[in-house]
Amino acid sequence: VPLVESGGGLVQPGGSLRLSCAASGFTFSSFAMNWYRQAPRKGRELVATITSEGLRTTYANSVKGRFTISRDNTKNTVYLQMNSLQSEDTAVYLCNTIIVLTSYWGRGTQVTVSS
């Protein structure tokens, strides 16, 4: 189940980035999708979740009001719009889905927030 993230990079505090995760190999529109992040020396954190049809979303308290998860089922892609970025948002961001109790991960995309 290939999941390929893109869109990371270096951004100044207060800036924005839009991450994408392109999926293939499964019926994308049937499964919820998640964005996680992992910062150095920290555990993996669930950032945002979107249901299969995109009708419901949930967010970690640390990003609520700043990040928006969305999906385009015609393009098999899930997005994470990140605004008002802070240094604490620096991490590798990973796309995830769970299919039949098996968790699938992309390789991640690095986001660095620094002046």
PDB file of N, CA and C in Angstrom:
ATOM      1  N   VAL A   1       0.860  -1.191   0.000  1.00  0.00           N
ATOM      2  CA  VAL A   1       0.000   0.000   0.000  1.00  0.00           C
ATOM      3  C   VAL A   1       0.890   1.232   0.000  1.00  0.00           C
ATOM      4  N   PRO A   2       1.299   1.652  -1.169  1.00  0.00           N
ATOM      5  CA  PRO A   2       2.182   2.827  -1.221  1.00  0.00           C
ATOM      6  C   PRO A   2       1.483   4.097  -0.764  1.00  0.00           C
ATOM      7  N   LEU A   3       2.144   4.809   0.138  1.00  0.00           N
ATOM      8  CA  LEU A   3       1.729   6.139   0.563  1.00  0.00           C
ATOM      9  C   LEU A   3       2.946   7.034   0.399  1.00  0.00           C
ATOM     10  N   VAL A   4       2.804   8.075  -0.389  1.00  0.00           N
ATOM     11  CA  VAL A   4       3.952   8.930  -0.703  1.00  0.00           C
ATOM     12  C   VAL A   4       3.649  10.365  -0.320  1.00  0.00           C
ATOM     13  N   GLU A   5       4.384  10.854   0.680  1.00  0.00           N
ATOM     14  CA  GLU A   5       4.193  12.222   1.144  1.00  0.00           C
ATOM     15  C   GLU A   5       5.073  13.184   0.365  1.00  0.00           C
ATOM     16  N   SER A   6       4.622  14.416   0.275  1.00  0.00           N
ATOM     17  CA  SER A   6       5.402  15.476  -0.355  1.00  0.00           C
ATOM     18  C   SER A   6       4.962  16.813   0.207  1.00  0.00           C
ATOM     19  N   GLY A   7       5.749  17.845  -0.072  1.00  0.00           N
ATOM     20  CA  GLY A   7       5.368  19.198   0.308  1.00  0.00           C
ATOM     21  C   GLY A   7       6.097  19.764   1.506  1.00  0.00           C
ATOM     22  N   GLY A   8       6.926  18.964   2.147  1.00  0.00           N
ATOM     23  CA  GLY A   8       7.678  19.472   3.282  1.00  0.00           C
ATOM     24  C   GLY A   8       8.765  20.443   2.859  1.00  0.00           C
ATOM     25  N   GLY A   9       9.405  21.037   3.861  1.00  0.00           N
ATOM     26  CA  GLY A   9      10.484  21.966   3.568  1.00  0.00           C
ATOM     27  C   GLY A   9      10.806  22.833   4.759  1.00  0.00           C
ATOM     28  N   LEU A  10      11.582  23.874   4.485  1.00  0.00           N
ATOM     29  CA  LEU A  10      11.976  24.841   5.505  1.00  0.00           C
ATOM     30  C   LEU A  10      11.081  26.064   5.393  1.00  0.00           C
ATOM     31  N   VAL A  11      10.515  26.477   6.517  1.00  0.00           N
ATOM     32  CA  VAL A  11       9.615  27.629   6.526  1.00  0.00           C
ATOM     33  C   VAL A  11       9.890  28.440   7.779  1.00  0.00           C
ATOM     34  N   GLN A  12       9.677  29.739   7.676  1.00  0.00           N
ATOM     35  CA  GLN A  12       9.873  30.605   8.825  1.00  0.00           C
ATOM     36  C   GLN A  12       8.689  30.518   9.782  1.00  0.00           C
ATOM     37  N   PRO A  13       8.894  30.809  11.049  1.00  0.00           N
ATOM     38  CA  PRO A  13       7.766  30.854  11.990  1.00  0.00           C
ATOM     39  C   PRO A  13       6.671  31.775  11.481  1.00  0.00           C
ATOM     40  N   GLY A  14       5.443  31.304  11.613  1.00  0.00           N
ATOM     41  CA  GLY A  14       4.303  32.051  11.109  1.00  0.00           C
ATOM     42  C   GLY A  14       3.928  31.710   9.674  1.00  0.00           C
ATOM     43  N   GLY A  15       4.769  30.947   9.021  1.00  0.00           N
ATOM     44  CA  GLY A  15       4.519  30.585   7.631  1.00  0.00           C
ATOM     45  C   GLY A  15       3.575  29.418   7.479  1.00  0.00           C
ATOM     46  N   SER A  16       3.397  29.014   6.214  1.00  0.00           N
ATOM     47  CA  SER A  16       2.452  27.940   5.883  1.00  0.00           C
ATOM     48  C   SER A  16       3.099  26.924   4.948  1.00  0.00           C
ATOM     49  N   LEU A  17       2.604  25.722   5.033  1.00  0.00           N
ATOM     50  CA  LEU A  17       2.967  24.661   4.096  1.00  0.00           C
ATOM     51  C   LEU A  17       1.743  23.802   3.862  1.00  0.00           C
ATOM     52  N   ARG A  18       1.717  23.174   2.699  1.00  0.00           N
ATOM     53  CA  ARG A  18       0.662  22.207   2.397  1.00  0.00           C
ATOM     54  C   ARG A  18       1.308  20.880   2.047  1.00  0.00           C
ATOM     55  N   LEU A  19       1.025  19.885   2.857  1.00  0.00           N
ATOM     56  CA  LEU A  19       1.530  18.544   2.604  1.00  0.00           C
ATOM     57  C   LEU A  19       0.515  17.746   1.805  1.00  0.00           C
ATOM     58  N   SER A  20       1.028  16.829   1.004  1.00  0.00           N
ATOM     59  CA  SER A  20       0.177  15.919   0.250  1.00  0.00           C
ATOM     60  C   SER A  20       0.631  14.500   0.506  1.00  0.00           C
ATOM     61  N   CYS A  21      -0.313  13.588   0.416  1.00  0.00           N
ATOM     62  CA  CYS A  21      -0.017  12.161   0.514  1.00  0.00           C
ATOM     63  C   CYS A  21      -0.782  11.456  -0.591  1.00  0.00           C
ATOM     64  N   ALA A  22      -0.060  10.919  -1.543  1.00  0.00           N
ATOM     65  CA  ALA A  22      -0.666  10.203  -2.660  1.00  0.00           C
ATOM     66  C   ALA A  22      -0.715   8.727  -2.331  1.00  0.00           C
ATOM     67  N   ALA A  23      -1.891   8.146  -2.479  1.00  0.00           N
ATOM     68  CA  ALA A  23      -2.111   6.745  -2.123  1.00  0.00           C
ATOM     69  C   ALA A  23      -2.406   5.918  -3.360  1.00  0.00           C
ATOM     70  N   SER A  24      -2.079   4.638  -3.272  1.00  0.00           N
ATOM     71  CA  SER A  24      -2.404   3.712  -4.348  1.00  0.00           C
ATOM     72  C   SER A  24      -2.457   2.314  -3.787  1.00  0.00           C
ATOM     73  N   GLY A  25      -3.016   1.407  -4.566  1.00  0.00           N
ATOM     74  CA  GLY A  25      -3.019   0.009  -4.169  1.00  0.00           C
ATOM     75  C   GLY A  25      -4.181  -0.419  -3.300  1.00  0.00           C
ATOM     76  N   PHE A  26      -5.106   0.497  -3.025  1.00  0.00           N
ATOM     77  CA  PHE A  26      -6.289   0.132  -2.261  1.00  0.00           C
ATOM     78  C   PHE A  26      -7.409   1.108  -2.621  1.00  0.00           C
ATOM     79  N   THR A  27      -8.601   0.799  -2.176  1.00  0.00           N
ATOM     80  CA  THR A  27      -9.751   1.651  -2.476  1.00  0.00           C
ATOM     81  C   THR A  27      -9.729   2.837  -1.513  1.00  0.00           C
ATOM     82  N   PHE A  28      -9.073   3.879  -1.955  1.00  0.00           N
ATOM     83  CA  PHE A  28      -8.779   5.027  -1.104  1.00  0.00           C
ATOM     84  C   PHE A  28     -10.039   5.589  -0.449  1.00  0.00           C
ATOM     85  N   SER A  29     -11.109   5.680  -1.189  1.00  0.00           N
ATOM     86  CA  SER A  29     -12.323   6.333  -0.693  1.00  0.00           C
ATOM     87  C   SER A  29     -13.036   5.541   0.399  1.00  0.00           C
ATOM     88  N   SER A  30     -12.560   4.345   0.693  1.00  0.00           N
ATOM     89  CA  SER A  30     -13.199   3.499   1.700  1.00  0.00           C
ATOM     90  C   SER A  30     -12.552   3.588   3.071  1.00  0.00           C
ATOM     91  N   PHE A  31     -11.457   4.329   3.193  1.00  0.00           N
ATOM     92  CA  PHE A  31     -10.695   4.284   4.433  1.00  0.00           C
ATOM     93  C   PHE A  31     -10.369   5.679   4.964  1.00  0.00           C
ATOM     94  N   ALA A  32     -10.426   5.767   6.294  1.00  0.00           N
ATOM     95  CA  ALA A  32      -9.963   6.985   6.944  1.00  0.00           C
ATOM     96  C   ALA A  32      -8.459   7.140   6.736  1.00  0.00           C
ATOM     97  N   MET A  33      -8.020   8.372   6.791  1.00  0.00           N
ATOM     98  CA  MET A  33      -6.606   8.665   6.624  1.00  0.00           C
ATOM     99  C   MET A  33      -6.130   9.532   7.788  1.00  0.00           C
ATOM    100  N   ASN A  34      -4.863   9.336   8.137  1.00  0.00           N
ATOM    101  CA  ASN A  34      -4.278  10.054   9.274  1.00  0.00           C
ATOM    102  C   ASN A  34      -2.977  10.728   8.883  1.00  0.00           C
ATOM    103  N   TRP A  35      -2.703  11.823   9.540  1.00  0.00           N
ATOM    104  CA  TRP A  35      -1.370  12.427   9.514  1.00  0.00           C
ATOM    105  C   TRP A  35      -0.788  12.329  10.918  1.00  0.00           C
ATOM    106  N   TYR A  36       0.428  11.808  10.975  1.00  0.00           N
ATOM    107  CA  TYR A  36       1.198  11.766  12.217  1.00  0.00           C
ATOM    108  C   TYR A  36       2.442  12.647  12.031  1.00  0.00           C
ATOM    109  N   ARG A  37       3.109  12.911  13.130  1.00  0.00           N
ATOM    110  CA  ARG A  37       4.416  13.556  13.053  1.00  0.00           C
ATOM    111  C   ARG A  37       5.323  12.982  14.137  1.00  0.00           C
ATOM    112  N   GLN A  38       6.607  13.030  13.818  1.00  0.00           N
ATOM    113  CA  GLN A  38       7.594  12.542  14.779  1.00  0.00           C
ATOM    114  C   GLN A  38       8.749  13.525  14.817  1.00  0.00           C
ATOM    115  N   ALA A  39       8.917  14.138  15.976  1.00  0.00           N
ATOM    116  CA  ALA A  39      10.012  15.069  16.195  1.00  0.00           C
ATOM    117  C   ALA A  39      11.178  14.326  16.828  1.00  0.00           C
ATOM    118  N   PRO A  40      12.394  14.866  16.688  1.00  0.00           N
ATOM    119  CA  PRO A  40      13.551  14.211  17.300  1.00  0.00           C
ATOM    120  C   PRO A  40      13.367  13.998  18.802  1.00  0.00           C
ATOM    121  N   ARG A  41      13.670  12.797  19.244  1.00  0.00           N
ATOM    122  CA  ARG A  41      13.620  12.455  20.672  1.00  0.00           C
ATOM    123  C   ARG A  41      12.202  12.521  21.236  1.00  0.00           C
ATOM    124  N   LYS A  42      11.217  12.447  20.367  1.00  0.00           N
ATOM    125  CA  LYS A  42       9.822  12.416  20.837  1.00  0.00           C
ATOM    126  C   LYS A  42       9.095  11.249  20.178  1.00  0.00           C
ATOM    127  N   GLY A  43       8.012  10.851  20.801  1.00  0.00           N
ATOM    128  CA  GLY A  43       7.196   9.793  20.237  1.00  0.00           C
ATOM    129  C   GLY A  43       6.391  10.280  19.058  1.00  0.00           C
ATOM    130  N   ARG A  44       5.817   9.352  18.345  1.00  0.00           N
ATOM    131  CA  ARG A  44       4.992   9.682  17.189  1.00  0.00           C
ATOM    132  C   ARG A  44       3.654  10.235  17.683  1.00  0.00           C
ATOM    133  N   GLU A  45       3.236  11.339  17.118  1.00  0.00           N
ATOM    134  CA  GLU A  45       2.017  12.035  17.542  1.00  0.00           C
ATOM    135  C   GLU A  45       0.982  12.040  16.424  1.00  0.00           C
ATOM    136  N   LEU A  46      -0.242  11.656  16.757  1.00  0.00           N
ATOM    137  CA  LEU A  46      -1.340  11.748  15.786  1.00  0.00           C
ATOM    138  C   LEU A  46      -1.745  13.211  15.664  1.00  0.00           C
ATOM    139  N   VAL A  47      -1.655  13.754  14.474  1.00  0.00           N
ATOM    140  CA  VAL A  47      -1.920  15.165  14.237  1.00  0.00           C
ATOM    141  C   VAL A  47      -3.365  15.397  13.788  1.00  0.00           C
ATOM    142  N   ALA A  48      -3.818  14.600  12.828  1.00  0.00           N
ATOM    143  CA  ALA A  48      -5.156  14.830  12.280  1.00  0.00           C
ATOM    144  C   ALA A  48      -5.669  13.561  11.622  1.00  0.00           C
ATOM    145  N   THR A  49      -6.987  13.417  11.612  1.00  0.00           N
ATOM    146  CA  THR A  49      -7.664  12.280  11.009  1.00  0.00           C
ATOM    147  C   THR A  49      -8.831  12.785  10.184  1.00  0.00           C
ATOM    148  N   ILE A  50      -9.082  12.101   9.069  1.00  0.00           N
ATOM    149  CA  ILE A  50     -10.248  12.418   8.254  1.00  0.00           C
ATOM    150  C   ILE A  50     -10.942  11.117   7.881  1.00  0.00           C
ATOM    151  N   THR A  51     -12.260  11.114   7.970  1.00  0.00           N
ATOM    152  CA  THR A  51     -13.013   9.911   7.642  1.00  0.00           C
ATOM    153  C   THR A  51     -12.993   9.650   6.141  1.00  0.00           C
ATOM    154  N   SER A  52     -13.494   8.490   5.749  1.00  0.00           N
ATOM    155  CA  SER A  52     -13.343   8.034   4.371  1.00  0.00           C
ATOM    156  C   SER A  52     -13.955   8.997   3.358  1.00  0.00           C
ATOM    157  N   GLU A  53     -15.105   9.581   3.691  1.00  0.00           N
ATOM    158  CA  GLU A  53     -15.746  10.501   2.743  1.00  0.00           C
ATOM    159  C   GLU A  53     -15.428  11.960   3.046  1.00  0.00           C
ATOM    160  N   GLY A  54     -14.571  12.160   4.047  1.00  0.00           N
ATOM    161  CA  GLY A  54     -14.160  13.517   4.361  1.00  0.00           C
ATOM    162  C   GLY A  54     -15.161  14.324   5.147  1.00  0.00           C
ATOM    163  N   LEU A  55     -16.129  13.646   5.747  1.00  0.00           N
ATOM    164  CA  LEU A  55     -17.192  14.380   6.430  1.00  0.00           C
ATOM    165  C   LEU A  55     -16.830  14.771   7.848  1.00  0.00           C
ATOM    166  N   ARG A  56     -15.889  14.048   8.435  1.00  0.00           N
ATOM    167  CA  ARG A  56     -15.487  14.362   9.815  1.00  0.00           C
ATOM    168  C   ARG A  56     -13.978  14.410   9.920  1.00  0.00           C
ATOM    169  N   THR A  57     -13.500  15.357  10.704  1.00  0.00           N
ATOM    170  CA  THR A  57     -12.076  15.499  10.953  1.00  0.00           C
ATOM    171  C   THR A  57     -11.831  15.673  12.449  1.00  0.00           C
ATOM    172  N   THR A  58     -10.685  15.233  12.890  1.00  0.00           N
ATOM    173  CA  THR A  58     -10.269  15.458  14.274  1.00  0.00           C
ATOM    174  C   THR A  58      -8.811  15.910  14.271  1.00  0.00           C
ATOM    175  N   TYR A  59      -8.452  16.658  15.311  1.00  0.00           N
ATOM    176  CA  TYR A  59      -7.117  17.240  15.391  1.00  0.00           C
ATOM    177  C   TYR A  59      -6.536  17.111  16.791  1.00  0.00           C
ATOM    178  N   ALA A  60      -5.226  17.039  16.845  1.00  0.00           N
ATOM    179  CA  ALA A  60      -4.538  17.162  18.123  1.00  0.00           C
ATOM    180  C   ALA A  60      -4.735  18.582  18.643  1.00  0.00           C
ATOM    181  N   ASN A  61      -4.806  18.713  19.950  1.00  0.00           N
ATOM    182  CA  ASN A  61      -4.997  20.044  20.537  1.00  0.00           C
ATOM    183  C   ASN A  61      -3.885  21.000  20.130  1.00  0.00           C
ATOM    184  N   SER A  62      -2.700  20.458  19.918  1.00  0.00           N
ATOM    185  CA  SER A  62      -1.548  21.297  19.608  1.00  0.00           C
ATOM    186  C   SER A  62      -1.638  21.960  18.233  1.00  0.00           C
ATOM    187  N   VAL A  63      -2.507  21.454  17.356  1.00  0.00           N
ATOM    188  CA  VAL A  63      -2.597  22.021  16.007  1.00  0.00           C
ATOM    189  C   VAL A  63      -3.996  22.550  15.682  1.00  0.00           C
ATOM    190  N   LYS A  64      -4.924  22.352  16.579  1.00  0.00           N
ATOM    191  CA  LYS A  64      -6.312  22.759  16.330  1.00  0.00           C
ATOM    192  C   LYS A  64      -6.372  24.259  16.035  1.00  0.00           C
ATOM    193  N   GLY A  65      -7.083  24.586  14.969  1.00  0.00           N
ATOM    194  CA  GLY A  65      -7.203  25.986  14.577  1.00  0.00           C
ATOM    195  C   GLY A  65      -6.114  26.467  13.646  1.00  0.00           C
ATOM    196  N   ARG A  66      -5.052  25.680  13.498  1.00  0.00           N
ATOM    197  CA  ARG A  66      -3.946  26.059  12.617  1.00  0.00           C
ATOM    198  C   ARG A  66      -3.811  25.104  11.429  1.00  0.00           C
ATOM    199  N   PHE A  67      -4.093  23.834  11.633  1.00  0.00           N
ATOM    200  CA  PHE A  67      -3.942  22.823  10.584  1.00  0.00           C
ATOM    201  C   PHE A  67      -5.326  22.394  10.090  1.00  0.00           C
ATOM    202  N   THR A  68      -5.386  22.029   8.817  1.00  0.00           N
ATOM    203  CA  THR A  68      -6.619  21.517   8.225  1.00  0.00           C
ATOM    204  C   THR A  68      -6.302  20.293   7.382  1.00  0.00           C
ATOM    205  N   ILE A  69      -6.968  19.188   7.698  1.00  0.00           N
ATOM    206  CA  ILE A  69      -6.829  17.976   6.890  1.00  0.00           C
ATOM    207  C   ILE A  69      -7.977  17.929   5.894  1.00  0.00           C
ATOM    208  N   SER A  70      -7.676  17.480   4.682  1.00  0.00           N
ATOM    209  CA  SER A  70      -8.708  17.340   3.663  1.00  0.00           C
ATOM    210  C   SER A  70      -8.303  16.205   2.732  1.00  0.00           C
ATOM    211  N   ARG A  71      -9.217  15.812   1.868  1.00  0.00           N
ATOM    212  CA  ARG A  71      -8.906  14.744   0.938  1.00  0.00           C
ATOM    213  C   ARG A  71      -9.648  14.967  -0.368  1.00  0.00           C
ATOM    214  N   ASP A  72      -9.068  14.403  -1.421  1.00  0.00           N
ATOM    215  CA  ASP A  72      -9.704  14.393  -2.733  1.00  0.00           C
ATOM    216  C   ASP A  72      -9.753  12.947  -3.181  1.00  0.00           C
ATOM    217  N   ASN A  73     -10.912  12.332  -3.055  1.00  0.00           N
ATOM    218  CA  ASN A  73     -11.029  10.908  -3.388  1.00  0.00           C
ATOM    219  C   ASN A  73     -10.932  10.649  -4.897  1.00  0.00           C
ATOM    220  N   THR A  74     -11.069  11.669  -5.704  1.00  0.00           N
ATOM    221  CA  THR A  74     -10.883  11.488  -7.147  1.00  0.00           C
ATOM    222  C   THR A  74      -9.411  11.422  -7.512  1.00  0.00           C
ATOM    223  N   LYS A  75      -8.568  11.943  -6.614  1.00  0.00           N
ATOM    224  CA  LYS A  75      -7.124  11.945  -6.855  1.00  0.00           C
ATOM    225  C   LYS A  75      -6.370  11.017  -5.910  1.00  0.00           C
ATOM    226  N   ASN A  76      -7.113  10.302  -5.040  1.00  0.00           N
ATOM    227  CA  ASN A  76      -6.480   9.402  -4.064  1.00  0.00           C
ATOM    228  C   ASN A  76      -5.403  10.129  -3.254  1.00  0.00           C
ATOM    229  N   THR A  77      -5.739  11.310  -2.811  1.00  0.00           N
ATOM    230  CA  THR A  77      -4.762  12.143  -2.119  1.00  0.00           C
ATOM    231  C   THR A  77      -5.376  12.762  -0.870  1.00  0.00           C
ATOM    232  N   VAL A  78      -4.591  12.792   0.186  1.00  0.00           N
ATOM    233  CA  VAL A  78      -4.976  13.483   1.407  1.00  0.00           C
ATOM    234  C   VAL A  78      -3.982  14.623   1.629  1.00  0.00           C
ATOM    235  N   TYR A  79      -4.488  15.717   2.166  1.00  0.00           N
ATOM    236  CA  TYR A  79      -3.684  16.926   2.335  1.00  0.00           C
ATOM    237  C   TYR A  79      -3.640  17.353   3.806  1.00  0.00           C
ATOM    238  N   LEU A  80      -2.622  18.099   4.132  1.00  0.00           N
ATOM    239  CA  LEU A  80      -2.551  18.748   5.432  1.00  0.00           C
ATOM    240  C   LEU A  80      -2.089  20.178   5.214  1.00  0.00           C
ATOM    241  N   GLN A  81      -3.011  21.113   5.358  1.00  0.00           N
ATOM    242  CA  GLN A  81      -2.684  22.529   5.264  1.00  0.00           C
ATOM    243  C   GLN A  81      -2.247  22.998   6.646  1.00  0.00           C
ATOM    244  N   MET A  82      -1.047  23.532   6.712  1.00  0.00           N
ATOM    245  CA  MET A  82      -0.472  23.946   7.992  1.00  0.00           C
ATOM    246  C   MET A  82      -0.203  25.446   7.952  1.00  0.00           C
ATOM    247  N   ASN A  83      -0.880  26.170   8.824  1.00  0.00           N
ATOM    248  CA  ASN A  83      -0.716  27.611   8.912  1.00  0.00           C
ATOM    249  C   ASN A  83      -0.149  27.999  10.276  1.00  0.00           C
ATOM    250  N   SER A  84       0.331  29.218  10.358  1.00  0.00           N
ATOM    251  CA  SER A  84       0.883  29.745  11.626  1.00  0.00           C
ATOM    252  C   SER A  84       1.864  28.756  12.236  1.00  0.00           C
ATOM    253  N   LEU A  85       2.778  28.287  11.415  1.00  0.00           N
ATOM    254  CA  LEU A  85       3.720  27.262  11.882  1.00  0.00           C
ATOM    255  C   LEU A  85       4.649  27.813  12.953  1.00  0.00           C
ATOM    256  N   GLN A  86       4.970  26.932  13.888  1.00  0.00           N
ATOM    257  CA  GLN A  86       5.828  27.272  15.017  1.00  0.00           C
ATOM    258  C   GLN A  86       7.002  26.311  15.047  1.00  0.00           C
ATOM    259  N   SER A  87       8.038  26.683  15.776  1.00  0.00           N
ATOM    260  CA  SER A  87       9.217  25.815  15.848  1.00  0.00           C
ATOM    261  C   SER A  87       8.863  24.437  16.396  1.00  0.00           C
ATOM    262  N   GLU A  88       7.859  24.401  17.259  1.00  0.00           N
ATOM    263  CA  GLU A  88       7.443  23.112  17.837  1.00  0.00           C
ATOM    264  C   GLU A  88       6.800  22.185  16.807  1.00  0.00           C
ATOM    265  N   ASP A  89       6.472  22.701  15.642  1.00  0.00           N
ATOM    266  CA  ASP A  89       5.886  21.880  14.576  1.00  0.00           C
ATOM    267  C   ASP A  89       6.961  21.166  13.759  1.00  0.00           C
ATOM    268  N   THR A  90       8.207  21.454  14.010  1.00  0.00           N
ATOM    269  CA  THR A  90       9.297  20.795  13.290  1.00  0.00           C
ATOM    270  C   THR A  90       9.268  19.295  13.561  1.00  0.00           C
ATOM    271  N   ALA A  91       9.182  18.524  12.495  1.00  0.00           N
ATOM    272  CA  ALA A  91       9.065  17.067  12.620  1.00  0.00           C
ATOM    273  C   ALA A  91       9.049  16.441  11.232  1.00  0.00           C
ATOM    274  N   VAL A  92       9.145  15.138  11.220  1.00  0.00           N
ATOM    275  CA  VAL A  92       8.821  14.384  10.012  1.00  0.00           C
ATOM    276  C   VAL A  92       7.326  14.081  10.058  1.00  0.00           C
ATOM    277  N   TYR A  93       6.622  14.410   8.990  1.00  0.00           N
ATOM    278  CA  TYR A  93       5.184  14.197   8.907  1.00  0.00           C
ATOM    279  C   TYR A  93       4.905  12.965   8.053  1.00  0.00           C
ATOM    280  N   LEU A  94       4.100  12.063   8.618  1.00  0.00           N
ATOM    281  CA  LEU A  94       3.840  10.777   7.974  1.00  0.00           C
ATOM    282  C   LEU A  94       2.356  10.579   7.737  1.00  0.00           C
ATOM    283  N   CYS A  95       2.074   9.993   6.611  1.00  0.00           N
ATOM    284  CA  CYS A  95       0.720   9.637   6.225  1.00  0.00           C
ATOM    285  C   CYS A  95       0.466   8.194   6.666  1.00  0.00           C
ATOM    286  N   ASN A  96      -0.760   7.915   7.078  1.00  0.00           N
ATOM    287  CA  ASN A  96      -1.071   6.588   7.624  1.00  0.00           C
ATOM    288  C   ASN A  96      -2.505   6.208   7.312  1.00  0.00           C
ATOM    289  N   THR A  97      -2.710   4.917   7.105  1.00  0.00           N
ATOM    290  CA  THR A  97      -4.052   4.375   7.066  1.00  0.00           C
ATOM    291  C   THR A  97      -4.026   2.980   7.668  1.00  0.00           C
ATOM    292  N   ILE A  98      -5.178   2.534   8.106  1.00  0.00           N
ATOM    293  CA  ILE A  98      -5.301   1.189   8.686  1.00  0.00           C
ATOM    294  C   ILE A  98      -6.306   0.406   7.852  1.00  0.00           C
ATOM    295  N   ILE A  99      -5.839  -0.716   7.331  1.00  0.00           N
ATOM    296  CA  ILE A  99      -6.687  -1.566   6.491  1.00  0.00           C
ATOM    297  C   ILE A  99      -6.655  -2.964   7.064  1.00  0.00           C
ATOM    298  N   VAL A 100      -7.820  -3.458   7.468  1.00  0.00           N
ATOM    299  CA  VAL A 100      -7.932  -4.809   8.035  1.00  0.00           C
ATOM    300  C   VAL A 100      -6.901  -4.989   9.143  1.00  0.00           C
ATOM    301  N   LEU A 101      -6.906  -4.076  10.078  1.00  0.00           N
ATOM    302  CA  LEU A 101      -6.069  -4.126  11.282  1.00  0.00           C
ATOM    303  C   LEU A 101      -4.574  -3.979  10.994  1.00  0.00           C
ATOM    304  N   THR A 102      -4.196  -3.711   9.759  1.00  0.00           N
ATOM    305  CA  THR A 102      -2.793  -3.490   9.428  1.00  0.00           C
ATOM    306  C   THR A 102      -2.570  -2.004   9.163  1.00  0.00           C
ATOM    307  N   SER A 103      -1.538  -1.476   9.803  1.00  0.00           N
ATOM    308  CA  SER A 103      -1.229  -0.054   9.677  1.00  0.00           C
ATOM    309  C   SER A 103      -0.182   0.149   8.598  1.00  0.00           C
ATOM    310  N   TYR A 104      -0.468   1.063   7.674  1.00  0.00           N
ATOM    311  CA  TYR A 104       0.447   1.353   6.574  1.00  0.00           C
ATOM    312  C   TYR A 104       0.951   2.787   6.711  1.00  0.00           C
ATOM    313  N   TRP A 105       2.244   2.951   6.392  1.00  0.00           N
ATOM    314  CA  TRP A 105       2.903   4.241   6.563  1.00  0.00           C
ATOM    315  C   TRP A 105       3.646   4.646   5.300  1.00  0.00           C
ATOM    316  N   GLY A 106       3.683   5.953   5.076  1.00  0.00           N
ATOM    317  CA  GLY A 106       4.601   6.484   4.098  1.00  0.00           C
ATOM    318  C   GLY A 106       5.958   6.673   4.740  1.00  0.00           C
ATOM    319  N   ARG A 107       6.906   7.169   3.943  1.00  0.00           N
ATOM    320  CA  ARG A 107       8.255   7.396   4.464  1.00  0.00           C
ATOM    321  C   ARG A 107       8.375   8.738   5.170  1.00  0.00           C
ATOM    322  N   GLY A 108       7.420   9.608   4.921  1.00  0.00           N
ATOM    323  CA  GLY A 108       7.433  10.889   5.617  1.00  0.00           C
ATOM    324  C   GLY A 108       8.048  12.011   4.812  1.00  0.00           C
ATOM    325  N   THR A 109       7.721  13.228   5.228  1.00  0.00           N
ATOM    326  CA  THR A 109       8.305  14.425   4.636  1.00  0.00           C
ATOM    327  C   THR A 109       8.711  15.361   5.769  1.00  0.00           C
ATOM    328  N   GLN A 110       9.905  15.902   5.666  1.00  0.00           N
ATOM    329  CA  GLN A 110      10.459  16.726   6.740  1.00  0.00           C
ATOM    330  C   GLN A 110       9.900  18.148   6.667  1.00  0.00           C
ATOM    331  N   VAL A 111       9.436  18.614   7.815  1.00  0.00           N
ATOM    332  CA  VAL A 111       9.019  20.010   7.960  1.00  0.00           C
ATOM    333  C   VAL A 111       9.914  20.649   9.017  1.00  0.00           C
ATOM    334  N   THR A 112      10.576  21.718   8.642  1.00  0.00           N
ATOM    335  CA  THR A 112      11.439  22.434   9.564  1.00  0.00           C
ATOM    336  C   THR A 112      10.987  23.883   9.645  1.00  0.00           C
ATOM    337  N   VAL A 113      10.674  24.309  10.855  1.00  0.00           N
ATOM    338  CA  VAL A 113      10.232  25.689  11.081  1.00  0.00           C
ATOM    339  C   VAL A 113      11.349  26.417  11.820  1.00  0.00           C
ATOM    340  N   SER A 114      11.968  27.347  11.125  1.00  0.00           N
ATOM    341  CA  SER A 114      13.115  28.033  11.698  1.00  0.00           C
ATOM    342  C   SER A 114      13.336  29.361  10.989  1.00  0.00           C
ATOM    343  N   SER A 115      13.828  30.332  11.733  1.00  0.00           N
ATOM    344  CA  SER A 115      14.156  31.617  11.133  1.00  0.00           C
ATOM    345  C   SER A 115      15.621  31.633  10.707  1.00  0.00           C
TER     346      SER A 115
END
